[in-house]
Amino acid sequence: MILSYSLLNNTTMKTLQNVLTINALSSGATGLLLVGFSDFIAQLFGIPASGIIIGVGIFLVAFAALVFVESRRNPMQPERVRFIILLDRLWVAVSLVLVVLPMVDLSVIGRVAVVAVAAWVALMAYLQNANLKKITT
């Protein structure tokens, strides 16, 4: 019984590590794309200036570094993983506010892209949370 619990815990820890790594890589790649193609993306999204796109890109690169470092930590620290999950959830909430409220006049492509990314981030948050619960309970 102890062996199977330990094996389950190790498997879950590896799964959490993999999800964090995927989150880090996808966040970093998105951030680099936003910074590298900020003018094009701003125009595509219907945003008059690319500064906000660059700012979001820089945030994502920094976030990716945080997530990647935690994914390599052994053992991972649950409070840091919870912080990552919180940031993911905040990203989803802000994304939905941007799409629903008329604060920013995004193009249709911009709205679809924001919703698609929010769905991906929500999935990352869910998988991280589900695997963290298995380890900590």
N, C-alpha and C. Protein backbone atom coordinates (compact mmCIF):
# COMPACT_ATOMS: atom_id res chain seq x y z
N MET A 1 0.82 -1.20 0.00
CA MET A 1 0.00 0.00 0.00
C MET A 1 0.86 1.26 0.00
N ILE A 2 1.90 1.30 0.81
CA ILE A 2 2.79 2.45 0.85
C ILE A 2 3.51 2.60 -0.48
N LEU A 3 3.93 1.49 -1.07
CA LEU A 3 4.63 1.54 -2.36
C LEU A 3 3.74 2.13 -3.44
N SER A 4 2.48 1.69 -3.50
CA SER A 4 1.60 2.21 -4.54
C SER A 4 1.29 3.69 -4.31
N TYR A 5 1.15 4.11 -3.06
CA TYR A 5 0.93 5.53 -2.78
C TYR A 5 2.15 6.34 -3.21
N SER A 6 3.32 5.84 -2.89
CA SER A 6 4.56 6.53 -3.26
C SER A 6 4.70 6.59 -4.77
N LEU A 7 4.38 5.50 -5.45
CA LEU A 7 4.45 5.47 -6.90
C LEU A 7 3.46 6.46 -7.51
N LEU A 8 2.25 6.50 -6.97
CA LEU A 8 1.23 7.45 -7.44
C LEU A 8 1.73 8.87 -7.23
N ASN A 9 2.30 9.14 -6.08
CA ASN A 9 2.79 10.47 -5.78
C ASN A 9 3.92 10.87 -6.74
N ASN A 10 4.83 9.95 -7.02
CA ASN A 10 5.92 10.25 -7.95
C ASN A 10 5.40 10.48 -9.37
N THR A 11 4.44 9.68 -9.79
CA THR A 11 3.85 9.84 -11.12
C THR A 11 3.12 11.17 -11.22
N THR A 12 2.37 11.52 -10.19
CA THR A 12 1.64 12.79 -10.18
C THR A 12 2.61 13.96 -10.17
N MET A 13 3.70 13.84 -9.40
CA MET A 13 4.70 14.90 -9.36
C MET A 13 5.30 15.11 -10.75
N LYS A 14 5.59 14.03 -11.46
CA LYS A 14 6.14 14.12 -12.81
C LYS A 14 5.13 14.76 -13.75
N THR A 15 3.84 14.40 -13.61
CA THR A 15 2.80 15.00 -14.44
C THR A 15 2.70 16.50 -14.17
N LEU A 16 2.74 16.89 -12.91
CA LEU A 16 2.71 18.31 -12.57
C LEU A 16 3.92 19.02 -13.17
N GLN A 17 5.07 18.41 -13.08
CA GLN A 17 6.28 18.98 -13.67
C GLN A 17 6.11 19.16 -15.18
N ASN A 18 5.52 18.19 -15.84
CA ASN A 18 5.30 18.28 -17.29
C ASN A 18 4.31 19.39 -17.64
N VAL A 19 3.24 19.51 -16.88
CA VAL A 19 2.25 20.56 -17.15
C VAL A 19 2.88 21.94 -16.94
N LEU A 20 3.66 22.09 -15.88
CA LEU A 20 4.34 23.36 -15.65
C LEU A 20 5.31 23.68 -16.79
N THR A 21 6.01 22.67 -17.26
CA THR A 21 6.94 22.87 -18.38
C THR A 21 6.21 23.31 -19.64
N ILE A 22 5.10 22.66 -19.93
CA ILE A 22 4.28 23.06 -21.10
C ILE A 22 3.77 24.48 -20.93
N ASN A 23 3.33 24.82 -19.73
CA ASN A 23 2.86 26.18 -19.44
C ASN A 23 4.00 27.18 -19.67
N ALA A 24 5.19 26.85 -19.17
CA ALA A 24 6.34 27.75 -19.33
C ALA A 24 6.69 27.94 -20.81
N LEU A 25 6.76 26.85 -21.54
CA LEU A 25 7.15 26.93 -22.95
C LEU A 25 6.11 27.68 -23.78
N SER A 26 4.83 27.40 -23.56
CA SER A 26 3.79 28.08 -24.34
C SER A 26 3.71 29.56 -23.96
N SER A 27 3.88 29.88 -22.68
CA SER A 27 3.87 31.29 -22.26
C SER A 27 5.07 32.03 -22.82
N GLY A 28 6.24 31.42 -22.75
CA GLY A 28 7.44 32.05 -23.27
C GLY A 28 7.37 32.28 -24.77
N ALA A 29 6.89 31.26 -25.50
CA ALA A 29 6.77 31.40 -26.96
C ALA A 29 5.78 32.50 -27.32
N THR A 30 4.66 32.54 -26.62
CA THR A 30 3.66 33.59 -26.87
C THR A 30 4.25 34.96 -26.57
N GLY A 31 4.96 35.07 -25.46
CA GLY A 31 5.57 36.34 -25.09
C GLY A 31 6.57 36.82 -26.14
N LEU A 32 7.41 35.91 -26.62
CA LEU A 32 8.39 36.28 -27.65
C LEU A 32 7.70 36.69 -28.95
N LEU A 33 6.63 35.98 -29.31
CA LEU A 33 5.87 36.36 -30.51
C LEU A 33 5.25 37.74 -30.37
N LEU A 34 4.70 38.02 -29.19
CA LEU A 34 4.09 39.33 -28.97
C LEU A 34 5.12 40.45 -29.06
N VAL A 35 6.28 40.23 -28.48
CA VAL A 35 7.33 41.26 -28.53
C VAL A 35 7.88 41.39 -29.95
N GLY A 36 8.13 40.27 -30.59
CA GLY A 36 8.73 40.29 -31.92
C GLY A 36 7.82 40.80 -33.02
N PHE A 37 6.54 40.59 -32.87
CA PHE A 37 5.59 40.98 -33.92
C PHE A 37 4.52 41.92 -33.36
N SER A 38 4.91 42.79 -32.45
CA SER A 38 3.95 43.64 -31.73
C SER A 38 3.15 44.55 -32.66
N ASP A 39 3.79 45.15 -33.63
CA ASP A 39 3.06 46.04 -34.54
C ASP A 39 2.01 45.27 -35.34
N PHE A 40 2.40 44.14 -35.87
CA PHE A 40 1.48 43.32 -36.66
C PHE A 40 0.31 42.84 -35.80
N ILE A 41 0.61 42.36 -34.59
CA ILE A 41 -0.45 41.84 -33.71
C ILE A 41 -1.37 42.97 -33.27
N ALA A 42 -0.82 44.13 -32.95
CA ALA A 42 -1.66 45.27 -32.57
C ALA A 42 -2.62 45.63 -33.70
N GLN A 43 -2.11 45.65 -34.92
CA GLN A 43 -2.96 45.96 -36.07
C GLN A 43 -4.02 44.87 -36.26
N LEU A 44 -3.61 43.62 -36.16
CA LEU A 44 -4.54 42.50 -36.33
C LEU A 44 -5.64 42.51 -35.27
N PHE A 45 -5.28 42.90 -34.05
CA PHE A 45 -6.24 42.93 -32.94
C PHE A 45 -7.05 44.22 -32.89
N GLY A 46 -6.69 45.19 -33.74
CA GLY A 46 -7.41 46.45 -33.74
C GLY A 46 -7.01 47.38 -32.62
N ILE A 47 -5.78 47.24 -32.13
CA ILE A 47 -5.28 48.08 -31.05
C ILE A 47 -4.41 49.17 -31.68
N PRO A 48 -4.66 50.45 -31.33
CA PRO A 48 -3.96 51.54 -32.02
C PRO A 48 -2.45 51.62 -31.76
N ALA A 49 -1.98 51.14 -30.62
CA ALA A 49 -0.54 51.23 -30.31
C ALA A 49 -0.03 49.87 -29.87
N SER A 50 1.23 49.57 -30.21
CA SER A 50 1.78 48.25 -29.90
C SER A 50 2.40 48.15 -28.51
N GLY A 51 2.46 49.25 -27.78
CA GLY A 51 3.09 49.25 -26.45
C GLY A 51 2.48 48.24 -25.50
N ILE A 52 1.17 48.14 -25.49
CA ILE A 52 0.51 47.19 -24.59
C ILE A 52 0.86 45.75 -24.99
N ILE A 53 0.98 45.50 -26.27
CA ILE A 53 1.34 44.16 -26.76
C ILE A 53 2.76 43.82 -26.29
N ILE A 54 3.67 44.77 -26.38
CA ILE A 54 5.04 44.55 -25.91
C ILE A 54 5.05 44.30 -24.41
N GLY A 55 4.28 45.07 -23.66
CA GLY A 55 4.21 44.90 -22.21
C GLY A 55 3.70 43.52 -21.82
N VAL A 56 2.66 43.07 -22.49
CA VAL A 56 2.11 41.74 -22.22
C VAL A 56 3.15 40.68 -22.58
N GLY A 57 3.84 40.88 -23.69
CA GLY A 57 4.89 39.93 -24.10
C GLY A 57 6.00 39.82 -23.07
N ILE A 58 6.45 40.96 -22.57
CA ILE A 58 7.51 40.96 -21.54
C ILE A 58 7.02 40.26 -20.28
N PHE A 59 5.79 40.55 -19.87
CA PHE A 59 5.22 39.86 -18.70
C PHE A 59 5.23 38.34 -18.92
N LEU A 60 4.80 37.92 -20.10
CA LEU A 60 4.74 36.47 -20.37
C LEU A 60 6.11 35.81 -20.35
N VAL A 61 7.12 36.49 -20.85
CA VAL A 61 8.47 35.93 -20.80
C VAL A 61 8.94 35.79 -19.35
N ALA A 62 8.68 36.81 -18.53
CA ALA A 62 9.04 36.73 -17.10
C ALA A 62 8.25 35.63 -16.40
N PHE A 63 6.96 35.54 -16.69
CA PHE A 63 6.11 34.49 -16.12
C PHE A 63 6.63 33.11 -16.52
N ALA A 64 6.99 32.97 -17.78
CA ALA A 64 7.52 31.69 -18.27
C ALA A 64 8.78 31.29 -17.52
N ALA A 65 9.64 32.24 -17.24
CA ALA A 65 10.87 31.95 -16.49
C ALA A 65 10.52 31.46 -15.09
N LEU A 66 9.59 32.12 -14.43
CA LEU A 66 9.15 31.71 -13.09
C LEU A 66 8.60 30.28 -13.11
N VAL A 67 7.74 30.00 -14.07
CA VAL A 67 7.11 28.68 -14.16
C VAL A 67 8.15 27.62 -14.49
N PHE A 68 9.06 27.92 -15.40
CA PHE A 68 10.08 26.94 -15.77
C PHE A 68 10.99 26.61 -14.58
N VAL A 69 11.41 27.63 -13.85
CA VAL A 69 12.25 27.38 -12.67
C VAL A 69 11.52 26.49 -11.68
N GLU A 70 10.26 26.76 -11.44
CA GLU A 70 9.50 25.93 -10.49
C GLU A 70 9.33 24.51 -11.02
N SER A 71 9.17 24.36 -12.32
CA SER A 71 9.00 23.01 -12.89
C SER A 71 10.25 22.16 -12.70
N ARG A 72 11.39 22.79 -12.54
CA ARG A 72 12.66 22.07 -12.37
C ARG A 72 13.04 21.89 -10.91
N ARG A 73 12.34 22.55 -10.02
CA ARG A 73 12.66 22.48 -8.60
C ARG A 73 12.31 21.09 -8.07
N ASN A 74 13.18 20.55 -7.24
CA ASN A 74 12.92 19.24 -6.64
C ASN A 74 13.27 19.29 -5.16
N PRO A 75 12.29 19.26 -4.30
CA PRO A 75 10.86 19.15 -4.60
C PRO A 75 10.25 20.52 -4.95
N MET A 76 9.14 20.47 -5.67
CA MET A 76 8.41 21.69 -5.97
C MET A 76 7.80 22.22 -4.69
N GLN A 77 7.61 23.52 -4.64
CA GLN A 77 7.03 24.14 -3.46
C GLN A 77 5.56 24.45 -3.74
N PRO A 78 4.64 23.79 -3.03
CA PRO A 78 3.21 23.96 -3.30
C PRO A 78 2.75 25.41 -3.32
N GLU A 79 3.28 26.25 -2.42
CA GLU A 79 2.84 27.64 -2.40
C GLU A 79 3.25 28.39 -3.67
N ARG A 80 4.37 28.04 -4.25
CA ARG A 80 4.77 28.66 -5.51
C ARG A 80 3.90 28.18 -6.67
N VAL A 81 3.57 26.90 -6.66
CA VAL A 81 2.68 26.38 -7.70
C VAL A 81 1.30 27.02 -7.56
N ARG A 82 0.83 27.21 -6.33
CA ARG A 82 -0.46 27.89 -6.13
C ARG A 82 -0.41 29.33 -6.66
N PHE A 83 0.72 30.00 -6.50
CA PHE A 83 0.88 31.35 -7.02
C PHE A 83 0.80 31.35 -8.55
N ILE A 84 1.42 30.37 -9.17
CA ILE A 84 1.35 30.23 -10.63
C ILE A 84 -0.09 30.00 -11.07
N ILE A 85 -0.79 29.13 -10.35
CA ILE A 85 -2.20 28.87 -10.67
C ILE A 85 -3.03 30.14 -10.51
N LEU A 86 -2.76 30.91 -9.46
CA LEU A 86 -3.46 32.18 -9.25
C LEU A 86 -3.23 33.13 -10.42
N LEU A 87 -1.98 33.25 -10.85
CA LEU A 87 -1.68 34.12 -12.00
C LEU A 87 -2.39 33.64 -13.26
N ASP A 88 -2.44 32.33 -13.47
CA ASP A 88 -3.17 31.79 -14.62
C ASP A 88 -4.65 32.13 -14.54
N ARG A 89 -5.23 31.98 -13.36
CA ARG A 89 -6.66 32.30 -13.19
C ARG A 89 -6.93 33.78 -13.40
N LEU A 90 -6.03 34.62 -12.92
CA LEU A 90 -6.19 36.06 -13.15
C LEU A 90 -6.11 36.39 -14.63
N TRP A 91 -5.21 35.71 -15.34
CA TRP A 91 -5.11 35.92 -16.79
C TRP A 91 -6.44 35.61 -17.47
N VAL A 92 -7.05 34.51 -17.08
CA VAL A 92 -8.34 34.11 -17.68
C VAL A 92 -9.41 35.15 -17.36
N ALA A 93 -9.47 35.58 -16.11
CA ALA A 93 -10.48 36.56 -15.70
C ALA A 93 -10.32 37.88 -16.46
N VAL A 94 -9.09 38.39 -16.53
CA VAL A 94 -8.85 39.64 -17.24
C VAL A 94 -9.16 39.48 -18.73
N SER A 95 -8.81 38.35 -19.29
CA SER A 95 -9.11 38.09 -20.71
C SER A 95 -10.61 38.15 -20.97
N LEU A 96 -11.38 37.52 -20.11
CA LEU A 96 -12.83 37.52 -20.29
C LEU A 96 -13.41 38.92 -20.13
N VAL A 97 -12.88 39.69 -19.19
CA VAL A 97 -13.32 41.07 -19.01
C VAL A 97 -13.02 41.87 -20.29
N LEU A 98 -11.84 41.68 -20.86
CA LEU A 98 -11.48 42.40 -22.09
C LEU A 98 -12.43 42.07 -23.25
N VAL A 99 -12.85 40.83 -23.30
CA VAL A 99 -13.72 40.41 -24.41
C VAL A 99 -15.17 40.84 -24.18
N VAL A 100 -15.63 40.81 -22.94
CA VAL A 100 -17.04 41.08 -22.64
C VAL A 100 -17.32 42.57 -22.50
N LEU A 101 -16.46 43.29 -21.79
CA LEU A 101 -16.72 44.71 -21.57
C LEU A 101 -16.11 45.54 -22.70
N PRO A 102 -16.77 46.61 -23.05
CA PRO A 102 -16.29 47.43 -24.17
C PRO A 102 -15.16 48.40 -23.80
N MET A 103 -14.25 47.99 -22.90
CA MET A 103 -13.14 48.85 -22.50
C MET A 103 -12.13 48.97 -23.64
N VAL A 104 -11.94 47.88 -24.34
CA VAL A 104 -11.01 47.84 -25.47
C VAL A 104 -11.80 47.34 -26.67
N ASP A 105 -11.68 48.05 -27.78
CA ASP A 105 -12.41 47.68 -28.98
C ASP A 105 -11.54 46.74 -29.82
N LEU A 106 -11.57 45.45 -29.45
CA LEU A 106 -10.78 44.45 -30.18
C LEU A 106 -11.49 44.04 -31.46
N SER A 107 -10.72 43.69 -32.46
CA SER A 107 -11.28 43.14 -33.69
C SER A 107 -11.83 41.74 -33.40
N VAL A 108 -12.56 41.19 -34.33
CA VAL A 108 -13.08 39.83 -34.17
C VAL A 108 -11.93 38.84 -34.00
N ILE A 109 -10.89 38.99 -34.81
CA ILE A 109 -9.73 38.10 -34.68
C ILE A 109 -9.10 38.27 -33.31
N GLY A 110 -9.02 39.49 -32.82
CA GLY A 110 -8.46 39.76 -31.49
C GLY A 110 -9.28 39.09 -30.40
N ARG A 111 -10.61 39.19 -30.49
CA ARG A 111 -11.48 38.57 -29.49
C ARG A 111 -11.34 37.04 -29.51
N VAL A 112 -11.32 36.47 -30.71
CA VAL A 112 -11.19 35.01 -30.82
C VAL A 112 -9.85 34.56 -30.26
N ALA A 113 -8.79 35.29 -30.58
CA ALA A 113 -7.46 34.93 -30.08
C ALA A 113 -7.40 35.04 -28.55
N VAL A 114 -7.97 36.10 -28.00
CA VAL A 114 -7.95 36.28 -26.54
C VAL A 114 -8.73 35.14 -25.86
N VAL A 115 -9.87 34.77 -26.41
CA VAL A 115 -10.66 33.68 -25.83
C VAL A 115 -9.92 32.34 -25.97
N ALA A 116 -9.29 32.10 -27.11
CA ALA A 116 -8.55 30.85 -27.31
C ALA A 116 -7.38 30.74 -26.32
N VAL A 117 -6.65 31.81 -26.16
CA VAL A 117 -5.53 31.79 -25.21
C VAL A 117 -6.06 31.62 -23.78
N ALA A 118 -7.15 32.29 -23.45
CA ALA A 118 -7.74 32.14 -22.12
C ALA A 118 -8.17 30.70 -21.86
N ALA A 119 -8.70 30.04 -22.87
CA ALA A 119 -9.10 28.63 -22.72
C ALA A 119 -7.88 27.76 -22.46
N TRP A 120 -6.80 28.01 -23.18
CA TRP A 120 -5.55 27.25 -22.97
C TRP A 120 -5.02 27.49 -21.56
N VAL A 121 -5.00 28.74 -21.13
CA VAL A 121 -4.50 29.07 -19.79
C VAL A 121 -5.39 28.45 -18.72
N ALA A 122 -6.70 28.45 -18.94
CA ALA A 122 -7.61 27.80 -18.00
C ALA A 122 -7.32 26.31 -17.89
N LEU A 123 -7.02 25.68 -19.01
CA LEU A 123 -6.66 24.26 -19.00
C LEU A 123 -5.38 24.04 -18.19
N MET A 124 -4.39 24.90 -18.39
CA MET A 124 -3.13 24.78 -17.64
C MET A 124 -3.41 24.92 -16.14
N ALA A 125 -4.22 25.91 -15.76
CA ALA A 125 -4.55 26.12 -14.35
C ALA A 125 -5.26 24.90 -13.77
N TYR A 126 -6.21 24.37 -14.52
CA TYR A 126 -6.95 23.19 -14.06
C TYR A 126 -6.02 22.00 -13.85
N LEU A 127 -5.19 21.70 -14.83
CA LEU A 127 -4.29 20.54 -14.73
C LEU A 127 -3.27 20.72 -13.61
N GLN A 128 -2.74 21.93 -13.47
CA GLN A 128 -1.79 22.19 -12.38
C GLN A 128 -2.48 22.00 -11.04
N ASN A 129 -3.67 22.55 -10.90
CA ASN A 129 -4.40 22.46 -9.63
C ASN A 129 -4.76 21.01 -9.31
N ALA A 130 -5.26 20.27 -10.29
CA ALA A 130 -5.66 18.88 -10.07
C ALA A 130 -4.46 18.03 -9.63
N ASN A 131 -3.32 18.22 -10.26
CA ASN A 131 -2.14 17.44 -9.90
C ASN A 131 -1.55 17.90 -8.58
N LEU A 132 -1.61 19.18 -8.28
CA LEU A 132 -1.11 19.66 -7.00
C LEU A 132 -1.96 19.09 -5.86
N LYS A 133 -3.27 19.03 -6.04
CA LYS A 133 -4.15 18.46 -5.00
C LYS A 133 -3.81 17.01 -4.72
N LYS A 134 -3.49 16.26 -5.76
CA LYS A 134 -3.13 14.84 -5.57
C LYS A 134 -1.87 14.69 -4.74
N ILE A 135 -0.96 15.62 -4.89
CA ILE A 135 0.31 15.56 -4.17
C ILE A 135 0.19 16.03 -2.74
N THR A 136 -0.61 17.07 -2.52
CA THR A 136 -0.65 17.71 -1.21
C THR A 136 -1.74 17.17 -0.29
N THR A 137 -2.63 16.31 -0.79
CA THR A 137 -3.67 15.77 0.09
C THR A 137 -3.45 14.32 0.37
